[in-house]
Amino acid sequence: MSMQDFLMIVDFFAHNFISLQINI
């Protein structure tokens, strides 16, 4: 897995986590 793919996945999870925090 390349570094760019890793950063993209981390960014994806980070946005989902922030969205969940806002919804609660």
Protein backbone atom coordinates (compact mmCIF):
# COMPACT_ATOMS: atom_id res chain seq x y z
CA MET A 1 0.00 0.00 0.00
CA SER A 2 1.36 3.40 -0.93
CA MET A 3 1.58 6.36 1.44
CA GLN A 4 -1.03 8.26 -0.61
CA ASP A 5 -3.55 5.43 -0.21
CA PHE A 6 -2.89 5.33 3.54
CA LEU A 7 -3.40 9.08 3.92
CA MET A 8 -6.62 8.91 1.88
CA ILE A 9 -8.02 6.16 4.15
CA VAL A 10 -7.02 8.04 7.32
CA ASP A 11 -8.65 11.21 5.97
CA PHE A 12 -11.82 9.23 5.15
CA PHE A 13 -12.09 7.80 8.67
CA ALA A 14 -11.26 11.18 10.22
CA HIS A 15 -14.17 12.84 8.38
CA ASN A 16 -16.55 10.04 9.39
CA PHE A 17 -15.46 10.32 13.02
CA ILE A 18 -15.96 14.11 13.03
CA SER A 19 -19.41 13.68 11.44
CA LEU A 20 -20.42 11.19 14.15
CA GLN A 21 -19.25 13.57 16.89
CA ILE A 22 -21.34 16.39 15.39
CA ASN A 23 -24.45 14.18 15.09
CA ILE A 24 -24.32 13.10 18.72
